[in-house]
Amino acid sequence: MSDRALPVNFAFFPGPVAADAALVVEDVLLAERLGYDLVGIQDRPYNPQYLATMTLLAVLAARTTRIGLFLDVASLPLRPPAVLG
């Protein structure tokens, strides 16, 4: 049952750890195959252990076909509206 007649969506939030870059992509592809609706990638530009969020989203967009992608926890001082748009 959905709330207010809206569909229920399921999301996946992988940790964008640079040491496991290939695993992050494979996990997102698996989430798409399993029927998840969305994938959120956290933006932590100050953490060198994490992948570049915008680049990762571009890679995932090229590899997936139907799952929605979004930026999660954006760093607003480094991501002005024109960049986020």
PDB file of N, CA and C in Angstrom:
ATOM      1  N   MET A   1       0.847  -1.182   0.000  1.00  0.00           N
ATOM      2  CA  MET A   1       0.000   0.000   0.000  1.00  0.00           C
ATOM      3  C   MET A   1       0.885   1.235   0.000  1.00  0.00           C
ATOM      4  N   SER A   2       0.536   2.184  -0.802  1.00  0.00           N
ATOM      5  CA  SER A   2       1.314   3.404  -0.896  1.00  0.00           C
ATOM      6  C   SER A   2       0.640   4.534  -0.121  1.00  0.00           C
ATOM      7  N   ASP A   3       1.398   5.553   0.151  1.00  0.00           N
ATOM      8  CA  ASP A   3       0.904   6.712   0.865  1.00  0.00           C
ATOM      9  C   ASP A   3       0.386   7.738  -0.126  1.00  0.00           C
ATOM     10  N   ARG A   4      -0.830   8.210   0.058  1.00  0.00           N
ATOM     11  CA  ARG A   4      -1.445   9.198  -0.834  1.00  0.00           C
ATOM     12  C   ARG A   4      -1.447   8.741  -2.286  1.00  0.00           C
ATOM     13  N   ALA A   5      -1.581   7.488  -2.513  1.00  0.00           N
ATOM     14  CA  ALA A   5      -1.654   6.902  -3.861  1.00  0.00           C
ATOM     15  C   ALA A   5      -0.363   7.072  -4.646  1.00  0.00           C
ATOM     16  N   LEU A   6       0.740   7.361  -3.982  1.00  0.00           N
ATOM     17  CA  LEU A   6       2.035   7.444  -4.638  1.00  0.00           C
ATOM     18  C   LEU A   6       2.736   6.099  -4.551  1.00  0.00           C
ATOM     19  N   PRO A   7       3.489   5.730  -5.560  1.00  0.00           N
ATOM     20  CA  PRO A   7       4.186   4.440  -5.497  1.00  0.00           C
ATOM     21  C   PRO A   7       5.307   4.472  -4.453  1.00  0.00           C
ATOM     22  N   VAL A   8       5.579   3.328  -3.891  1.00  0.00           N
ATOM     23  CA  VAL A   8       6.682   3.189  -2.948  1.00  0.00           C
ATOM     24  C   VAL A   8       7.943   2.920  -3.757  1.00  0.00           C
ATOM     25  N   ASN A   9       8.992   3.694  -3.517  1.00  0.00           N
ATOM     26  CA  ASN A   9      10.269   3.518  -4.204  1.00  0.00           C
ATOM     27  C   ASN A   9      11.304   2.982  -3.231  1.00  0.00           C
ATOM     28  N   PHE A  10      12.213   2.177  -3.756  1.00  0.00           N
ATOM     29  CA  PHE A  10      13.293   1.627  -2.952  1.00  0.00           C
ATOM     30  C   PHE A  10      14.615   2.158  -3.476  1.00  0.00           C
ATOM     31  N   ALA A  11      15.462   2.566  -2.530  1.00  0.00           N
ATOM     32  CA  ALA A  11      16.738   3.179  -2.904  1.00  0.00           C
ATOM     33  C   ALA A  11      17.903   2.412  -2.294  1.00  0.00           C
ATOM     34  N   PHE A  12      19.061   2.603  -2.892  1.00  0.00           N
ATOM     35  CA  PHE A  12      20.311   1.986  -2.453  1.00  0.00           C
ATOM     36  C   PHE A  12      21.337   3.095  -2.314  1.00  0.00           C
ATOM     37  N   PHE A  13      22.103   3.073  -1.243  1.00  0.00           N
ATOM     38  CA  PHE A  13      23.094   4.113  -0.967  1.00  0.00           C
ATOM     39  C   PHE A  13      24.465   3.479  -0.764  1.00  0.00           C
ATOM     40  N   PRO A  14      25.192   3.204  -1.846  1.00  0.00           N
ATOM     41  CA  PRO A  14      26.515   2.595  -1.690  1.00  0.00           C
ATOM     42  C   PRO A  14      27.524   3.609  -1.165  1.00  0.00           C
ATOM     43  N   GLY A  15      28.473   3.137  -0.395  1.00  0.00           N
ATOM     44  CA  GLY A  15      29.573   4.004   0.025  1.00  0.00           C
ATOM     45  C   GLY A  15      30.556   4.129  -1.124  1.00  0.00           C
ATOM     46  N   PRO A  16      30.830   5.345  -1.608  1.00  0.00           N
ATOM     47  CA  PRO A  16      31.683   5.522  -2.790  1.00  0.00           C
ATOM     48  C   PRO A  16      33.181   5.435  -2.456  1.00  0.00           C
ATOM     49  N   VAL A  17      33.588   4.332  -1.895  1.00  0.00           N
ATOM     50  CA  VAL A  17      34.978   4.154  -1.467  1.00  0.00           C
ATOM     51  C   VAL A  17      35.864   3.925  -2.690  1.00  0.00           C
ATOM     52  N   ALA A  18      36.895   4.751  -2.830  1.00  0.00           N
ATOM     53  CA  ALA A  18      37.761   4.707  -4.014  1.00  0.00           C
ATOM     54  C   ALA A  18      38.481   3.369  -4.143  1.00  0.00           C
ATOM     55  N   ALA A  19      38.850   2.771  -3.033  1.00  0.00           N
ATOM     56  CA  ALA A  19      39.566   1.492  -3.088  1.00  0.00           C
ATOM     57  C   ALA A  19      38.689   0.380  -3.647  1.00  0.00           C
ATOM     58  N   ASP A  20      37.375   0.554  -3.605  1.00  0.00           N
ATOM     59  CA  ASP A  20      36.428  -0.452  -4.095  1.00  0.00           C
ATOM     60  C   ASP A  20      35.604   0.085  -5.270  1.00  0.00           C
ATOM     61  N   ALA A  21      36.209   0.871  -6.143  1.00  0.00           N
ATOM     62  CA  ALA A  21      35.470   1.531  -7.227  1.00  0.00           C
ATOM     63  C   ALA A  21      34.713   0.524  -8.100  1.00  0.00           C
ATOM     64  N   ALA A  22      35.356  -0.545  -8.495  1.00  0.00           N
ATOM     65  CA  ALA A  22      34.691  -1.541  -9.344  1.00  0.00           C
ATOM     66  C   ALA A  22      33.533  -2.195  -8.599  1.00  0.00           C
ATOM     67  N   LEU A  23      33.698  -2.426  -7.312  1.00  0.00           N
ATOM     68  CA  LEU A  23      32.637  -3.030  -6.509  1.00  0.00           C
ATOM     69  C   LEU A  23      31.442  -2.086  -6.374  1.00  0.00           C
ATOM     70  N   VAL A  24      31.688  -0.795  -6.258  1.00  0.00           N
ATOM     71  CA  VAL A  24      30.595   0.180  -6.179  1.00  0.00           C
ATOM     72  C   VAL A  24      29.750   0.111  -7.447  1.00  0.00           C
ATOM     73  N   VAL A  25      30.391   0.082  -8.593  1.00  0.00           N
ATOM     74  CA  VAL A  25      29.661   0.003  -9.864  1.00  0.00           C
ATOM     75  C   VAL A  25      28.892  -1.313  -9.954  1.00  0.00           C
ATOM     76  N   GLU A  26      29.524  -2.418  -9.585  1.00  0.00           N
ATOM     77  CA  GLU A  26      28.840  -3.720  -9.637  1.00  0.00           C
ATOM     78  C   GLU A  26      27.648  -3.765  -8.686  1.00  0.00           C
ATOM     79  N   ASP A  27      27.797  -3.159  -7.508  1.00  0.00           N
ATOM     80  CA  ASP A  27      26.681  -3.122  -6.553  1.00  0.00           C
ATOM     81  C   ASP A  27      25.494  -2.339  -7.116  1.00  0.00           C
ATOM     82  N   VAL A  28      25.773  -1.240  -7.798  1.00  0.00           N
ATOM     83  CA  VAL A  28      24.692  -0.451  -8.394  1.00  0.00           C
ATOM     84  C   VAL A  28      24.029  -1.230  -9.531  1.00  0.00           C
ATOM     85  N   LEU A  29      24.818  -1.914 -10.335  1.00  0.00           N
ATOM     86  CA  LEU A  29      24.242  -2.737 -11.403  1.00  0.00           C
ATOM     87  C   LEU A  29      23.377  -3.856 -10.825  1.00  0.00           C
ATOM     88  N   LEU A  30      23.810  -4.433  -9.713  1.00  0.00           N
ATOM     89  CA  LEU A  30      23.012  -5.463  -9.045  1.00  0.00           C
ATOM     90  C   LEU A  30      21.710  -4.866  -8.511  1.00  0.00           C
ATOM     91  N   ALA A  31      21.793  -3.685  -7.906  1.00  0.00           N
ATOM     92  CA  ALA A  31      20.585  -3.026  -7.402  1.00  0.00           C
ATOM     93  C   ALA A  31      19.585  -2.793  -8.528  1.00  0.00           C
ATOM     94  N   GLU A  32      20.087  -2.409  -9.699  1.00  0.00           N
ATOM     95  CA  GLU A  32      19.196  -2.207 -10.849  1.00  0.00           C
ATOM     96  C   GLU A  32      18.553  -3.531 -11.267  1.00  0.00           C
ATOM     97  N   ARG A  33      19.351  -4.594 -11.336  1.00  0.00           N
ATOM     98  CA  ARG A  33      18.800  -5.906 -11.707  1.00  0.00           C
ATOM     99  C   ARG A  33      17.772  -6.401 -10.696  1.00  0.00           C
ATOM    100  N   LEU A  34      17.964  -6.054  -9.422  1.00  0.00           N
ATOM    101  CA  LEU A  34      17.036  -6.484  -8.373  1.00  0.00           C
ATOM    102  C   LEU A  34      15.762  -5.647  -8.322  1.00  0.00           C
ATOM    103  N   GLY A  35      15.711  -4.584  -9.123  1.00  0.00           N
ATOM    104  CA  GLY A  35      14.495  -3.791  -9.204  1.00  0.00           C
ATOM    105  C   GLY A  35      14.461  -2.547  -8.340  1.00  0.00           C
ATOM    106  N   TYR A  36      15.583  -2.157  -7.759  1.00  0.00           N
ATOM    107  CA  TYR A  36      15.602  -0.908  -6.998  1.00  0.00           C
ATOM    108  C   TYR A  36      15.275   0.255  -7.925  1.00  0.00           C
ATOM    109  N   ASP A  37      14.727   1.306  -7.345  1.00  0.00           N
ATOM    110  CA  ASP A  37      14.296   2.457  -8.136  1.00  0.00           C
ATOM    111  C   ASP A  37      15.333   3.572  -8.200  1.00  0.00           C
ATOM    112  N   LEU A  38      16.097   3.742  -7.131  1.00  0.00           N
ATOM    113  CA  LEU A  38      17.001   4.878  -7.014  1.00  0.00           C
ATOM    114  C   LEU A  38      18.346   4.477  -6.417  1.00  0.00           C
ATOM    115  N   VAL A  39      19.364   5.248  -6.765  1.00  0.00           N
ATOM    116  CA  VAL A  39      20.684   5.117  -6.143  1.00  0.00           C
ATOM    117  C   VAL A  39      21.142   6.515  -5.764  1.00  0.00           C
ATOM    118  N   GLY A  40      21.499   6.693  -4.496  1.00  0.00           N
ATOM    119  CA  GLY A  40      22.016   7.968  -4.021  1.00  0.00           C
ATOM    120  C   GLY A  40      23.497   7.852  -3.712  1.00  0.00           C
ATOM    121  N   ILE A  41      24.275   8.790  -4.223  1.00  0.00           N
ATOM    122  CA  ILE A  41      25.717   8.814  -3.980  1.00  0.00           C
ATOM    123  C   ILE A  41      26.025  10.030  -3.113  1.00  0.00           C
ATOM    124  N   GLN A  42      26.645   9.789  -1.970  1.00  0.00           N
ATOM    125  CA  GLN A  42      26.985  10.899  -1.080  1.00  0.00           C
ATOM    126  C   GLN A  42      28.176  11.678  -1.609  1.00  0.00           C
ATOM    127  N   ASP A  43      28.128  12.969  -1.386  1.00  0.00           N
ATOM    128  CA  ASP A  43      29.159  13.875  -1.871  1.00  0.00           C
ATOM    129  C   ASP A  43      30.049  14.273  -0.699  1.00  0.00           C
ATOM    130  N   ARG A  44      31.262  13.761  -0.677  1.00  0.00           N
ATOM    131  CA  ARG A  44      32.221  14.074   0.377  1.00  0.00           C
ATOM    132  C   ARG A  44      33.538  14.519  -0.259  1.00  0.00           C
ATOM    133  N   PRO A  45      33.574  15.722  -0.848  1.00  0.00           N
ATOM    134  CA  PRO A  45      34.773  16.148  -1.572  1.00  0.00           C
ATOM    135  C   PRO A  45      35.998  16.328  -0.680  1.00  0.00           C
ATOM    136  N   TYR A  46      35.804  16.458   0.612  1.00  0.00           N
ATOM    137  CA  TYR A  46      36.928  16.637   1.525  1.00  0.00           C
ATOM    138  C   TYR A  46      37.544  15.315   1.964  1.00  0.00           C
ATOM    139  N   ASN A  47      36.930  14.222   1.591  1.00  0.00           N
ATOM    140  CA  ASN A  47      37.403  12.905   1.992  1.00  0.00           C
ATOM    141  C   ASN A  47      38.124  12.247   0.813  1.00  0.00           C
ATOM    142  N   PRO A  48      39.441  12.156   0.841  1.00  0.00           N
ATOM    143  CA  PRO A  48      40.177  11.592  -0.297  1.00  0.00           C
ATOM    144  C   PRO A  48      39.961  10.087  -0.485  1.00  0.00           C
ATOM    145  N   GLN A  49      39.331   9.435   0.475  1.00  0.00           N
ATOM    146  CA  GLN A  49      39.064   8.002   0.341  1.00  0.00           C
ATOM    147  C   GLN A  49      37.833   7.727  -0.517  1.00  0.00           C
ATOM    148  N   TYR A  50      37.071   8.768  -0.848  1.00  0.00           N
ATOM    149  CA  TYR A  50      35.851   8.602  -1.634  1.00  0.00           C
ATOM    150  C   TYR A  50      36.072   9.026  -3.074  1.00  0.00           C
ATOM    151  N   LEU A  51      35.335   8.396  -3.963  1.00  0.00           N
ATOM    152  CA  LEU A  51      35.369   8.735  -5.385  1.00  0.00           C
ATOM    153  C   LEU A  51      34.755  10.112  -5.622  1.00  0.00           C
ATOM    154  N   ALA A  52      35.122  10.738  -6.716  1.00  0.00           N
ATOM    155  CA  ALA A  52      34.512  12.013  -7.103  1.00  0.00           C
ATOM    156  C   ALA A  52      33.050  11.747  -7.469  1.00  0.00           C
ATOM    157  N   THR A  53      32.161  12.377  -6.757  1.00  0.00           N
ATOM    158  CA  THR A  53      30.738  12.071  -6.878  1.00  0.00           C
ATOM    159  C   THR A  53      30.186  12.321  -8.273  1.00  0.00           C
ATOM    160  N   MET A  54      30.461  13.467  -8.841  1.00  0.00           N
ATOM    161  CA  MET A  54      29.920  13.789 -10.165  1.00  0.00           C
ATOM    162  C   MET A  54      30.445  12.820 -11.227  1.00  0.00           C
ATOM    163  N   THR A  55      31.711  12.446 -11.115  1.00  0.00           N
ATOM    164  CA  THR A  55      32.286  11.493 -12.065  1.00  0.00           C
ATOM    165  C   THR A  55      31.646  10.119 -11.883  1.00  0.00           C
ATOM    166  N   LEU A  56      31.467   9.703 -10.640  1.00  0.00           N
ATOM    167  CA  LEU A  56      30.835   8.400 -10.374  1.00  0.00           C
ATOM    168  C   LEU A  56      29.407   8.385 -10.910  1.00  0.00           C
ATOM    169  N   LEU A  57      28.664   9.457 -10.702  1.00  0.00           N
ATOM    170  CA  LEU A  57      27.296   9.505 -11.239  1.00  0.00           C
ATOM    171  C   LEU A  57      27.287   9.403 -12.763  1.00  0.00           C
ATOM    172  N   ALA A  58      28.257  10.034 -13.413  1.00  0.00           N
ATOM    173  CA  ALA A  58      28.343   9.947 -14.880  1.00  0.00           C
ATOM    174  C   ALA A  58      28.647   8.521 -15.328  1.00  0.00           C
ATOM    175  N   VAL A  59      29.558   7.857 -14.629  1.00  0.00           N
ATOM    176  CA  VAL A  59      29.885   6.464 -14.959  1.00  0.00           C
ATOM    177  C   VAL A  59      28.661   5.576 -14.766  1.00  0.00           C
ATOM    178  N   LEU A  60      27.960   5.763 -13.663  1.00  0.00           N
ATOM    179  CA  LEU A  60      26.775   4.947 -13.390  1.00  0.00           C
ATOM    180  C   LEU A  60      25.670   5.218 -14.405  1.00  0.00           C
ATOM    181  N   ALA A  61      25.508   6.463 -14.816  1.00  0.00           N
ATOM    182  CA  ALA A  61      24.492   6.791 -15.824  1.00  0.00           C
ATOM    183  C   ALA A  61      24.796   6.102 -17.152  1.00  0.00           C
ATOM    184  N   ALA A  62      26.073   5.969 -17.469  1.00  0.00           N
ATOM    185  CA  ALA A  62      26.458   5.307 -18.718  1.00  0.00           C
ATOM    186  C   ALA A  62      26.272   3.791 -18.639  1.00  0.00           C
ATOM    187  N   ARG A  63      26.316   3.232 -17.444  1.00  0.00           N
ATOM    188  CA  ARG A  63      26.249   1.779 -17.282  1.00  0.00           C
ATOM    189  C   ARG A  63      24.855   1.253 -16.961  1.00  0.00           C
ATOM    190  N   THR A  64      23.960   2.103 -16.484  1.00  0.00           N
ATOM    191  CA  THR A  64      22.620   1.657 -16.105  1.00  0.00           C
ATOM    192  C   THR A  64      21.608   2.058 -17.173  1.00  0.00           C
ATOM    193  N   THR A  65      20.413   1.474 -17.084  1.00  0.00           N
ATOM    194  CA  THR A  65      19.396   1.767 -18.093  1.00  0.00           C
ATOM    195  C   THR A  65      18.124   2.381 -17.520  1.00  0.00           C
ATOM    196  N   ARG A  66      17.739   2.045 -16.297  1.00  0.00           N
ATOM    197  CA  ARG A  66      16.458   2.538 -15.806  1.00  0.00           C
ATOM    198  C   ARG A  66      16.487   3.075 -14.382  1.00  0.00           C
ATOM    199  N   ILE A  67      17.477   2.752 -13.609  1.00  0.00           N
ATOM    200  CA  ILE A  67      17.503   3.177 -12.211  1.00  0.00           C
ATOM    201  C   ILE A  67      17.800   4.677 -12.132  1.00  0.00           C
ATOM    202  N   GLY A  68      17.139   5.362 -11.213  1.00  0.00           N
ATOM    203  CA  GLY A  68      17.366   6.794 -11.030  1.00  0.00           C
ATOM    204  C   GLY A  68      18.600   7.039 -10.183  1.00  0.00           C
ATOM    205  N   LEU A  69      19.335   8.070 -10.520  1.00  0.00           N
ATOM    206  CA  LEU A  69      20.563   8.418  -9.806  1.00  0.00           C
ATOM    207  C   LEU A  69      20.429   9.821  -9.236  1.00  0.00           C
ATOM    208  N   PHE A  70      20.935  10.008  -8.017  1.00  0.00           N
ATOM    209  CA  PHE A  70      20.890  11.349  -7.439  1.00  0.00           C
ATOM    210  C   PHE A  70      22.063  11.580  -6.505  1.00  0.00           C
ATOM    211  N   LEU A  71      22.372  12.845  -6.329  1.00  0.00           N
ATOM    212  CA  LEU A  71      23.426  13.280  -5.428  1.00  0.00           C
ATOM    213  C   LEU A  71      22.837  13.364  -4.031  1.00  0.00           C
ATOM    214  N   ASP A  72      23.463  12.705  -3.087  1.00  0.00           N
ATOM    215  CA  ASP A  72      22.987  12.666  -1.712  1.00  0.00           C
ATOM    216  C   ASP A  72      24.016  13.381  -0.829  1.00  0.00           C
ATOM    217  N   VAL A  73      23.560  14.224   0.059  1.00  0.00           N
ATOM    218  CA  VAL A  73      24.430  14.966   0.979  1.00  0.00           C
ATOM    219  C   VAL A  73      25.417  15.831   0.192  1.00  0.00           C
ATOM    220  N   ALA A  74      24.911  16.772  -0.563  1.00  0.00           N
ATOM    221  CA  ALA A  74      25.762  17.644  -1.366  1.00  0.00           C
ATOM    222  C   ALA A  74      26.514  18.636  -0.485  1.00  0.00           C
ATOM    223  N   SER A  75      27.745  18.888  -0.850  1.00  0.00           N
ATOM    224  CA  SER A  75      28.566  19.895  -0.181  1.00  0.00           C
ATOM    225  C   SER A  75      28.256  21.241  -0.829  1.00  0.00           C
ATOM    226  N   LEU A  76      27.357  22.008  -0.217  1.00  0.00           N
ATOM    227  CA  LEU A  76      26.859  23.231  -0.844  1.00  0.00           C
ATOM    228  C   LEU A  76      27.922  24.300  -1.107  1.00  0.00           C
ATOM    229  N   PRO A  77      28.944  24.479  -0.261  1.00  0.00           N
ATOM    230  CA  PRO A  77      29.968  25.481  -0.606  1.00  0.00           C
ATOM    231  C   PRO A  77      30.710  25.153  -1.905  1.00  0.00           C
ATOM    232  N   LEU A  78      30.825  23.877  -2.237  1.00  0.00           N
ATOM    233  CA  LEU A  78      31.527  23.472  -3.459  1.00  0.00           C
ATOM    234  C   LEU A  78      30.589  23.137  -4.597  1.00  0.00           C
ATOM    235  N   ARG A  79      29.301  23.113  -4.350  1.00  0.00           N
ATOM    236  CA  ARG A  79      28.314  22.724  -5.359  1.00  0.00           C
ATOM    237  C   ARG A  79      27.261  23.821  -5.495  1.00  0.00           C
ATOM    238  N   PRO A  80      27.594  24.928  -6.157  1.00  0.00           N
ATOM    239  CA  PRO A  80      26.583  25.979  -6.329  1.00  0.00           C
ATOM    240  C   PRO A  80      25.439  25.482  -7.208  1.00  0.00           C
ATOM    241  N   PRO A  81      24.328  26.212  -7.244  1.00  0.00           N
ATOM    242  CA  PRO A  81      23.151  25.765  -7.982  1.00  0.00           C
ATOM    243  C   PRO A  81      23.411  25.385  -9.439  1.00  0.00           C
ATOM    244  N   ALA A  82      24.270  26.116 -10.121  1.00  0.00           N
ATOM    245  CA  ALA A  82      24.544  25.804 -11.517  1.00  0.00           C
ATOM    246  C   ALA A  82      25.215  24.444 -11.666  1.00  0.00           C
ATOM    247  N   VAL A  83      26.047  24.065 -10.725  1.00  0.00           N
ATOM    248  CA  VAL A  83      26.711  22.754 -10.762  1.00  0.00           C
ATOM    249  C   VAL A  83      25.703  21.659 -10.418  1.00  0.00           C
ATOM    250  N   LEU A  84      24.916  21.868  -9.417  1.00  0.00           N
ATOM    251  CA  LEU A  84      23.924  20.862  -9.019  1.00  0.00           C
ATOM    252  C   LEU A  84      22.859  20.665 -10.085  1.00  0.00           C
ATOM    253  N   GLY A  85      22.534  21.730 -10.798  1.00  0.00           N
ATOM    254  CA  GLY A  85      21.521  21.645 -11.863  1.00  0.00           C
ATOM    255  C   GLY A  85      22.027  20.848 -13.025  1.00  0.00           C
TER     256      GLY A  85
END
